[in-house]
PDB file of N, CA and C in Angstrom:
ATOM      1  N   UNK A   1     144.493  85.499 120.352  1.00  0.00           N
ATOM      2  CA  UNK A   1     143.357  86.174 120.947  1.00  0.00           C
ATOM      3  C   UNK A   1     142.881  87.251 119.967  1.00  0.00           C
ATOM      4  N   UNK A   2     141.581  87.342 119.750  1.00  0.00           N
ATOM      5  CA  UNK A   2     141.076  88.360 118.827  1.00  0.00           C
ATOM      6  C   UNK A   2     141.406  89.776 119.305  1.00  0.00           C
ATOM      7  N   UNK A   3     141.524  90.660 118.349  1.00  0.00           N
ATOM      8  CA  UNK A   3     141.923  92.043 118.633  1.00  0.00           C
ATOM      9  C   UNK A   3     140.961  92.728 119.602  1.00  0.00           C
ATOM     10  N   UNK A   4     139.667  92.486 119.464  1.00  0.00           N
ATOM     11  CA  UNK A   4     138.692  93.142 120.343  1.00  0.00           C
ATOM     12  C   UNK A   4     138.858  92.687 121.785  1.00  0.00           C
ATOM     13  N   UNK A   5     139.160  91.418 122.000  1.00  0.00           N
ATOM     14  CA  UNK A   5     139.370  90.935 123.365  1.00  0.00           C
ATOM     15  C   UNK A   5     140.626  91.546 123.966  1.00  0.00           C
ATOM     16  N   UNK A   6     141.662  91.724 123.147  1.00  0.00           N
ATOM     17  CA  UNK A   6     142.881  92.378 123.633  1.00  0.00           C
ATOM     18  C   UNK A   6     142.604  93.822 124.023  1.00  0.00           C
ATOM     19  N   UNK A   7     141.808  94.503 123.211  1.00  0.00           N
ATOM     20  CA  UNK A   7     141.438  95.886 123.540  1.00  0.00           C
ATOM     21  C   UNK A   7     140.654  95.952 124.845  1.00  0.00           C
ATOM     22  N   UNK A   8     139.722  95.014 125.018  1.00  0.00           N
ATOM     23  CA  UNK A   8     138.930  94.984 126.251  1.00  0.00           C
ATOM     24  C   UNK A   8     139.822  94.724 127.467  1.00  0.00           C
ATOM     25  N   UNK A   9     140.769  93.802 127.316  1.00  0.00           N
ATOM     26  CA  UNK A   9     141.681  93.498 128.424  1.00  0.00           C
ATOM     27  C   UNK A   9     142.547  94.719 128.751  1.00  0.00           C
ATOM     28  N   UNK A  10     143.009  95.433 127.727  1.00  0.00           N
ATOM     29  CA  UNK A  10     143.815  96.633 127.954  1.00  0.00           C
ATOM     30  C   UNK A  10     142.985  97.730 128.611  1.00  0.00           C
ATOM     31  N   UNK A  11     141.707  97.786 128.310  1.00  0.00           N
ATOM     32  CA  UNK A  11     140.823  98.783 128.913  1.00  0.00           C
ATOM     33  C   UNK A  11     140.557  98.463 130.385  1.00  0.00           C
ATOM     34  N   UNK A  12     140.407  97.190 130.704  1.00  0.00           N
ATOM     35  CA  UNK A  12     140.055  96.762 132.062  1.00  0.00           C
ATOM     36  C   UNK A  12     141.265  96.748 132.995  1.00  0.00           C
ATOM     37  N   UNK A  13     142.466  96.581 132.466  1.00  0.00           N
ATOM     38  CA  UNK A  13     143.670  96.436 133.289  1.00  0.00           C
ATOM     39  C   UNK A  13     143.862  97.560 134.306  1.00  0.00           C
ATOM     40  N   UNK A  14     143.729  98.846 133.952  1.00  0.00           N
ATOM     41  CA  UNK A  14     143.899  99.889 134.974  1.00  0.00           C
ATOM     42  C   UNK A  14     142.866  99.816 136.098  1.00  0.00           C
ATOM     43  N   UNK A  15     141.637  99.450 135.768  1.00  0.00           N
ATOM     44  CA  UNK A  15     140.601  99.337 136.793  1.00  0.00           C
ATOM     45  C   UNK A  15     140.879  98.154 137.720  1.00  0.00           C
ATOM     46  N   UNK A  16     141.376  97.075 137.145  1.00  0.00           N
ATOM     47  CA  UNK A  16     141.769  95.904 137.936  1.00  0.00           C
ATOM     48  C   UNK A  16     142.886  96.299 138.907  1.00  0.00           C
ATOM     49  N   UNK A  17     143.859  97.058 138.416  1.00  0.00           N
ATOM     50  CA  UNK A  17     144.948  97.529 139.275  1.00  0.00           C
ATOM     51  C   UNK A  17     144.454  98.449 140.367  1.00  0.00           C
ATOM     52  N   UNK A  18     143.519  99.310 140.028  1.00  0.00           N
ATOM     53  CA  UNK A  18     142.957 100.232 141.016  1.00  0.00           C
ATOM     54  C   UNK A  18     142.254  99.460 142.132  1.00  0.00           C
ATOM     55  N   UNK A  19     141.523  98.437 141.766  1.00  0.00           N
ATOM     56  CA  UNK A  19     140.838  97.624 142.777  1.00  0.00           C
ATOM     57  C   UNK A  19     141.840  96.922 143.681  1.00  0.00           C
ATOM     58  N   UNK A  20     142.921  96.414 143.087  1.00  0.00           N
ATOM     59  CA  UNK A  20     143.923  95.704 143.888  1.00  0.00           C
ATOM     60  C   UNK A  20     144.673  96.619 144.854  1.00  0.00           C
ATOM     61  N   UNK A  21     144.743  97.913 144.552  1.00  0.00           N
ATOM     62  CA  UNK A  21     145.480  98.836 145.417  1.00  0.00           C
ATOM     63  C   UNK A  21     144.543  99.581 146.380  1.00  0.00           C
ATOM     64  N   UNK A  22     143.251  99.339 146.303  1.00  0.00           N
ATOM     65  CA  UNK A  22     142.310  99.994 147.217  1.00  0.00           C
ATOM     66  C   UNK A  22     142.540  99.505 148.652  1.00  0.00           C
ATOM     67  N   UNK A  23     142.200 100.313 149.613  1.00  0.00           N
ATOM     68  CA  UNK A  23     142.464  99.983 151.018  1.00  0.00           C
ATOM     69  C   UNK A  23     141.992  98.615 151.506  1.00  0.00           C
ATOM     70  N   UNK A  24     140.821  98.110 151.123  1.00  0.00           N
ATOM     71  CA  UNK A  24     140.453  96.784 151.648  1.00  0.00           C
ATOM     72  C   UNK A  24     141.452  95.686 151.274  1.00  0.00           C
ATOM     73  N   UNK A  25     141.981  95.729 150.079  1.00  0.00           N
ATOM     74  CA  UNK A  25     142.963  94.729 149.676  1.00  0.00           C
ATOM     75  C   UNK A  25     144.316  94.997 150.318  1.00  0.00           C
ATOM     76  N   UNK A  26     144.691  96.261 150.406  1.00  0.00           N
ATOM     77  CA  UNK A  26     145.988  96.610 150.981  1.00  0.00           C
ATOM     78  C   UNK A  26     145.997  96.301 152.474  1.00  0.00           C
ATOM     79  N   UNK A  27     144.874  96.467 153.141  1.00  0.00           N
ATOM     80  CA  UNK A  27     144.807  96.197 154.582  1.00  0.00           C
ATOM     81  C   UNK A  27     145.064  94.728 154.928  1.00  0.00           C
ATOM     82  N   UNK A  28     144.871  93.847 153.966  1.00  0.00           N
ATOM     83  CA  UNK A  28     145.165  92.433 154.204  1.00  0.00           C
ATOM     84  C   UNK A  28     146.642  92.261 154.545  1.00  0.00           C
ATOM     85  N   UNK A  29     147.485  93.064 153.913  1.00  0.00           N
ATOM     86  CA  UNK A  29     148.923  92.932 154.087  1.00  0.00           C
ATOM     87  C   UNK A  29     149.496  93.926 155.094  1.00  0.00           C
ATOM     88  N   UNK A  30     148.625  94.701 155.725  1.00  0.00           N
ATOM     89  CA  UNK A  30     149.096  95.691 156.696  1.00  0.00           C
ATOM     90  C   UNK A  30     149.277  95.009 158.046  1.00  0.00           C
ATOM     91  N   UNK A  31     150.514  94.766 158.362  1.00  0.00           N
ATOM     92  CA  UNK A  31     150.837  94.168 159.659  1.00  0.00           C
ATOM     93  C   UNK A  31     152.263  94.568 160.019  1.00  0.00           C
ATOM     94  N   UNK A  32     152.672  94.170 161.200  1.00  0.00           N
ATOM     95  CA  UNK A  32     154.024  94.507 161.633  1.00  0.00           C
ATOM     96  C   UNK A  32     155.030  93.440 161.222  1.00  0.00           C
ATOM     97  N   UNK A  33     154.576  92.407 160.522  1.00  0.00           N
ATOM     98  CA  UNK A  33     155.490  91.349 160.096  1.00  0.00           C
ATOM     99  C   UNK A  33     156.416  91.862 159.007  1.00  0.00           C
ATOM    100  N   UNK A  34     157.613  91.350 159.037  1.00  0.00           N
ATOM    101  CA  UNK A  34     158.596  91.688 158.018  1.00  0.00           C
ATOM    102  C   UNK A  34     158.955  90.424 157.247  1.00  0.00           C
ATOM    103  N   UNK A  35     159.028  90.553 155.957  1.00  0.00           N
ATOM    104  CA  UNK A  35     159.437  89.442 155.108  1.00  0.00           C
ATOM    105  C   UNK A  35     160.784  89.812 154.493  1.00  0.00           C
ATOM    106  N   UNK A  36     161.827  89.222 154.986  1.00  0.00           N
ATOM    107  CA  UNK A  36     163.163  89.569 154.501  1.00  0.00           C
ATOM    108  C   UNK A  36     163.549  90.982 154.876  1.00  0.00           C
ATOM    109  N   UNK A  37     163.014  91.486 155.983  1.00  0.00           N
ATOM    110  CA  UNK A  37     163.322  92.834 156.428  1.00  0.00           C
ATOM    111  C   UNK A  37     162.479  93.905 155.756  1.00  0.00           C
ATOM    112  N   UNK A  38     161.508  93.499 154.919  1.00  0.00           N
ATOM    113  CA  UNK A  38     160.655  94.448 154.190  1.00  0.00           C
ATOM    114  C   UNK A  38     159.218  94.231 154.646  1.00  0.00           C
ATOM    115  N   UNK A  39     158.502  95.311 154.982  1.00  0.00           N
ATOM    116  CA  UNK A  39     157.089  95.159 155.371  1.00  0.00           C
ATOM    117  C   UNK A  39     156.268  94.522 154.246  1.00  0.00           C
ATOM    118  N   UNK A  40     155.337  93.663 154.630  1.00  0.00           N
ATOM    119  CA  UNK A  40     154.498  92.958 153.660  1.00  0.00           C
ATOM    120  C   UNK A  40     153.694  93.886 152.769  1.00  0.00           C
ATOM    121  N   UNK A  41     153.266  95.039 153.309  1.00  0.00           N
ATOM    122  CA  UNK A  41     152.471  95.974 152.519  1.00  0.00           C
ATOM    123  C   UNK A  41     153.275  96.534 151.341  1.00  0.00           C
ATOM    124  N   UNK A  42     154.564  96.785 151.560  1.00  0.00           N
ATOM    125  CA  UNK A  42     155.401  97.286 150.462  1.00  0.00           C
ATOM    126  C   UNK A  42     155.603  96.217 149.401  1.00  0.00           C
ATOM    127  N   UNK A  43     155.802  94.989 149.826  1.00  0.00           N
ATOM    128  CA  UNK A  43     155.939  93.906 148.853  1.00  0.00           C
ATOM    129  C   UNK A  43     154.668  93.759 148.026  1.00  0.00           C
ATOM    130  N   UNK A  44     153.514  93.887 148.681  1.00  0.00           N
ATOM    131  CA  UNK A  44     152.243  93.776 147.968  1.00  0.00           C
ATOM    132  C   UNK A  44     152.075  94.912 146.960  1.00  0.00           C
ATOM    133  N   UNK A  45     152.279  96.151 147.401  1.00  0.00           N
ATOM    134  CA  UNK A  45     152.087  97.310 146.520  1.00  0.00           C
ATOM    135  C   UNK A  45     153.027  97.226 145.314  1.00  0.00           C
ATOM    136  N   UNK A  46     154.315  96.985 145.565  1.00  0.00           N
ATOM    137  CA  UNK A  46     155.263  96.934 144.457  1.00  0.00           C
ATOM    138  C   UNK A  46     155.066  95.687 143.599  1.00  0.00           C
ATOM    139  N   UNK A  47     154.587  94.615 144.191  1.00  0.00           N
ATOM    140  CA  UNK A  47     154.268  93.419 143.408  1.00  0.00           C
ATOM    141  C   UNK A  47     153.115  93.670 142.448  1.00  0.00           C
ATOM    142  N   UNK A  48     152.056  94.314 142.936  1.00  0.00           N
ATOM    143  CA  UNK A  48     150.912  94.655 142.074  1.00  0.00           C
ATOM    144  C   UNK A  48     151.350  95.625 140.990  1.00  0.00           C
ATOM    145  N   UNK A  49     152.147  96.609 141.359  1.00  0.00           N
ATOM    146  CA  UNK A  49     152.628  97.603 140.403  1.00  0.00           C
ATOM    147  C   UNK A  49     153.452  96.931 139.300  1.00  0.00           C
ATOM    148  N   UNK A  50     154.352  96.040 139.685  1.00  0.00           N
ATOM    149  CA  UNK A  50     155.176  95.332 138.706  1.00  0.00           C
ATOM    150  C   UNK A  50     154.305  94.457 137.803  1.00  0.00           C
ATOM    151  N   UNK A  51     153.326  93.770 138.389  1.00  0.00           N
ATOM    152  CA  UNK A  51     152.431  92.923 137.611  1.00  0.00           C
ATOM    153  C   UNK A  51     151.657  93.753 136.578  1.00  0.00           C
ATOM    154  N   UNK A  52     151.189  94.939 136.972  1.00  0.00           N
ATOM    155  CA  UNK A  52     150.453  95.798 136.041  1.00  0.00           C
ATOM    156  C   UNK A  52     151.346  96.269 134.898  1.00  0.00           C
ATOM    157  N   UNK A  53     152.593  96.595 135.205  1.00  0.00           N
ATOM    158  CA  UNK A  53     153.522  97.037 134.159  1.00  0.00           C
ATOM    159  C   UNK A  53     153.786  95.903 133.176  1.00  0.00           C
ATOM    160  N   UNK A  54     154.046  94.712 133.695  1.00  0.00           N
ATOM    161  CA  UNK A  54     154.338  93.561 132.827  1.00  0.00           C
ATOM    162  C   UNK A  54     153.123  93.213 131.967  1.00  0.00           C
ATOM    163  N   UNK A  55     151.942  93.154 132.579  1.00  0.00           N
ATOM    164  CA  UNK A  55     150.731  92.848 131.806  1.00  0.00           C
ATOM    165  C   UNK A  55     150.436  93.925 130.769  1.00  0.00           C
ATOM    166  N   UNK A  56     150.655  95.184 131.115  1.00  0.00           N
ATOM    167  CA  UNK A  56     150.460  96.268 130.150  1.00  0.00           C
ATOM    168  C   UNK A  56     151.418  96.156 128.976  1.00  0.00           C
ATOM    169  N   UNK A  57     152.665  95.815 129.247  1.00  0.00           N
ATOM    170  CA  UNK A  57     153.646  95.647 128.176  1.00  0.00           C
ATOM    171  C   UNK A  57     153.276  94.483 127.264  1.00  0.00           C
ATOM    172  N   UNK A  58     152.845  93.381 127.864  1.00  0.00           N
ATOM    173  CA  UNK A  58     152.450  92.216 127.065  1.00  0.00           C
ATOM    174  C   UNK A  58     151.245  92.553 126.193  1.00  0.00           C
ATOM    175  N   UNK A  59     150.249  93.198 126.779  1.00  0.00           N
ATOM    176  CA  UNK A  59     149.047  93.556 126.004  1.00  0.00           C
ATOM    177  C   UNK A  59     149.374  94.537 124.887  1.00  0.00           C
ATOM    178  N   UNK A  60     150.222  95.516 125.165  1.00  0.00           N
ATOM    179  CA  UNK A  60     150.533  96.495 124.125  1.00  0.00           C
ATOM    180  C   UNK A  60     151.295  95.850 122.977  1.00  0.00           C
ATOM    181  N   UNK A  61     152.219  94.943 123.280  1.00  0.00           N
ATOM    182  CA  UNK A  61     152.944  94.251 122.202  1.00  0.00           C
ATOM    183  C   UNK A  61     152.010  93.365 121.390  1.00  0.00           C
ATOM    184  N   UNK A  62     151.090  92.696 122.058  1.00  0.00           N
ATOM    185  CA  UNK A  62     150.140  91.841 121.326  1.00  0.00           C
ATOM    186  C   UNK A  62     149.205  92.678 120.467  1.00  0.00           C
ATOM    187  N   UNK A  63     148.797  93.848 120.978  1.00  0.00           N
ATOM    188  CA  UNK A  63     147.934  94.724 120.182  1.00  0.00           C
ATOM    189  C   UNK A  63     148.674  95.247 118.960  1.00  0.00           C
ATOM    190  N   UNK A  64     149.940  95.622 119.133  1.00  0.00           N
ATOM    191  CA  UNK A  64     150.722  96.119 117.999  1.00  0.00           C
ATOM    192  C   UNK A  64     150.938  95.003 116.990  1.00  0.00           C
ATOM    193  N   UNK A  65     151.286  93.806 117.465  1.00  0.00           N
ATOM    194  CA  UNK A  65     151.537  92.675 116.569  1.00  0.00           C
ATOM    195  C   UNK A  65     150.274  92.276 115.827  1.00  0.00           C
ATOM    196  N   UNK A  66     149.148  92.184 116.535  1.00  0.00           N
ATOM    197  CA  UNK A  66     147.892  91.831 115.881  1.00  0.00           C
ATOM    198  C   UNK A  66     147.434  92.918 114.930  1.00  0.00           C
ATOM    199  N   UNK A  67     147.708  94.169 115.257  1.00  0.00           N
ATOM    200  CA  UNK A  67     147.333  95.269 114.379  1.00  0.00           C
ATOM    201  C   UNK A  67     148.122  95.251 113.091  1.00  0.00           C
ATOM    202  N   UNK A  68     149.411  94.903 113.161  1.00  0.00           N
ATOM    203  CA  UNK A  68     150.236  94.834 111.963  1.00  0.00           C
ATOM    204  C   UNK A  68     149.811  93.673 111.077  1.00  0.00           C
ATOM    205  N   UNK A  69     149.431  92.560 111.685  1.00  0.00           N
ATOM    206  CA  UNK A  69     149.034  91.395 110.911  1.00  0.00           C
ATOM    207  C   UNK A  69     147.672  91.611 110.260  1.00  0.00           C
ATOM    208  N   UNK A  70     146.807  92.369 110.921  1.00  0.00           N
ATOM    209  CA  UNK A  70     145.462  92.582 110.395  1.00  0.00           C
ATOM    210  C   UNK A  70     145.463  93.536 109.201  1.00  0.00           C
ATOM    211  N   UNK A  71     146.370  94.469 109.218  1.00  0.00           N
ATOM    212  CA  UNK A  71     146.415  95.449 108.134  1.00  0.00           C
ATOM    213  C   UNK A  71     147.278  94.915 107.009  1.00  0.00           C
ATOM    214  N   UNK A  72     146.771  95.018 105.814  1.00  0.00           N
ATOM    215  CA  UNK A  72     147.594  94.629 104.677  1.00  0.00           C
ATOM    216  C   UNK A  72     148.440  95.815 104.270  1.00  0.00           C
ATOM    217  N   UNK A  73     149.686  95.584 103.939  1.00  0.00           N
ATOM    218  CA  UNK A  73     150.525  96.715 103.572  1.00  0.00           C
ATOM    219  C   UNK A  73     150.056  97.330 102.265  1.00  0.00           C
ATOM    220  N   UNK A  74     150.100  98.638 102.170  1.00  0.00           N
ATOM    221  CA  UNK A  74     149.640  99.278 100.936  1.00  0.00           C
ATOM    222  C   UNK A  74     150.603  98.962  99.796  1.00  0.00           C
ATOM    223  N   UNK A  75     150.018  98.795  98.620  1.00  0.00           N
ATOM    224  CA  UNK A  75     150.847  98.548  97.444  1.00  0.00           C
ATOM    225  C   UNK A  75     151.447  99.869  96.993  1.00  0.00           C
ATOM    226  N   UNK A  76     152.699  99.858  96.583  1.00  0.00           N
ATOM    227  CA  UNK A  76     153.302 101.108  96.135  1.00  0.00           C
ATOM    228  C   UNK A  76     152.649 101.583  94.843  1.00  0.00           C
ATOM    229  N   UNK A  77     152.539 102.879  94.733  1.00  0.00           N
ATOM    230  CA  UNK A  77     151.966 103.469  93.528  1.00  0.00           C
ATOM    231  C   UNK A  77     152.958 103.306  92.388  1.00  0.00           C
ATOM    232  N   UNK A  78     152.475 102.839  91.268  1.00  0.00           N
ATOM    233  CA  UNK A  78     153.325 102.704  90.098  1.00  0.00           C
ATOM    234  C   UNK A  78     152.808 103.644  89.025  1.00  0.00           C
ATOM    235  N   UNK A  79     153.717 104.281  88.340  1.00  0.00           N
ATOM    236  CA  UNK A  79     153.253 105.183  87.279  1.00  0.00           C
ATOM    237  C   UNK A  79     152.627 104.371  86.148  1.00  0.00           C
ATOM    238  N   UNK A  80     151.682 104.947  85.454  1.00  0.00           N
ATOM    239  CA  UNK A  80     151.059 104.205  84.353  1.00  0.00           C
ATOM    240  C   UNK A  80     152.108 103.906  83.278  1.00  0.00           C
ATOM    241  N   UNK A  81     151.944 102.790  82.603  1.00  0.00           N
ATOM    242  CA  UNK A  81     152.928 102.457  81.568  1.00  0.00           C
ATOM    243  C   UNK A  81     152.904 103.492  80.449  1.00  0.00           C
ATOM    244  N   UNK A  82     154.065 103.823  79.962  1.00  0.00           N
ATOM    245  CA  UNK A  82     154.182 104.810  78.879  1.00  0.00           C
ATOM    246  C   UNK A  82     153.940 104.106  77.543  1.00  0.00           C
ATOM    247  N   UNK A  83     153.070 104.668  76.759  1.00  0.00           N
ATOM    248  CA  UNK A  83     152.803 104.090  75.430  1.00  0.00           C
ATOM    249  C   UNK A  83     153.611 104.858  74.400  1.00  0.00           C
ATOM    250  N   UNK A  84     154.165 104.125  73.496  1.00  0.00           N
ATOM    251  CA  UNK A  84     154.920 104.784  72.420  1.00  0.00           C
ATOM    252  C   UNK A  84     153.953 105.359  71.423  1.00  0.00           C
ATOM    253  N   UNK A  85     154.233 106.567  71.043  1.00  0.00           N
ATOM    254  CA  UNK A  85     153.391 107.214  70.021  1.00  0.00           C
ATOM    255  C   UNK A  85     154.031 106.977  68.658  1.00  0.00           C
ATOM    256  N   UNK A  86     153.227 106.603  67.681  1.00  0.00           N
ATOM    257  CA  UNK A  86     153.813 106.296  66.360  1.00  0.00           C
ATOM    258  C   UNK A  86     154.456 107.512  65.671  1.00  0.00           C
ATOM    259  N   UNK A  87     153.951 108.729  65.880  1.00  0.00           N
ATOM    260  CA  UNK A  87     154.527 109.880  65.187  1.00  0.00           C
ATOM    261  C   UNK A  87     155.533 110.605  66.080  1.00  0.00           C
ATOM    262  N   UNK A  88     156.047 109.976  67.133  1.00  0.00           N
ATOM    263  CA  UNK A  88     157.017 110.612  67.994  1.00  0.00           C
ATOM    264  C   UNK A  88     158.404 110.660  67.351  1.00  0.00           C
ATOM    265  N   UNK A  89     158.693 109.770  66.348  1.00  0.00           N
ATOM    266  CA  UNK A  89     160.001 109.755  65.712  1.00  0.00           C
ATOM    267  C   UNK A  89     160.129 110.864  64.659  1.00  0.00           C
ATOM    268  N   UNK A  90     159.107 111.430  64.185  1.00  0.00           N
ATOM    269  CA  UNK A  90     159.159 112.415  63.109  1.00  0.00           C
ATOM    270  C   UNK A  90     159.567 113.747  63.555  1.00  0.00           C
TER     271      UNK A  90
END
């Protein structure tokens, strides 16, 4: 994926998470039902939170990896070659 698209995805991810945690979406899971003894709303909130963390980690690693590949490593500075002077032996 090109670097600019990764940057755009990393920029949009927090807003996507904010939308998923807004009351209209959370109210879908607000009920008295229990799933494995845990309210559905808690499973939803922590599921979205975990998904955002995982996606953020994946995007950050891809951005770092693509950034390293895009940049060429700097060449080390080498001192200029020393020229022998003909009258240095005298």
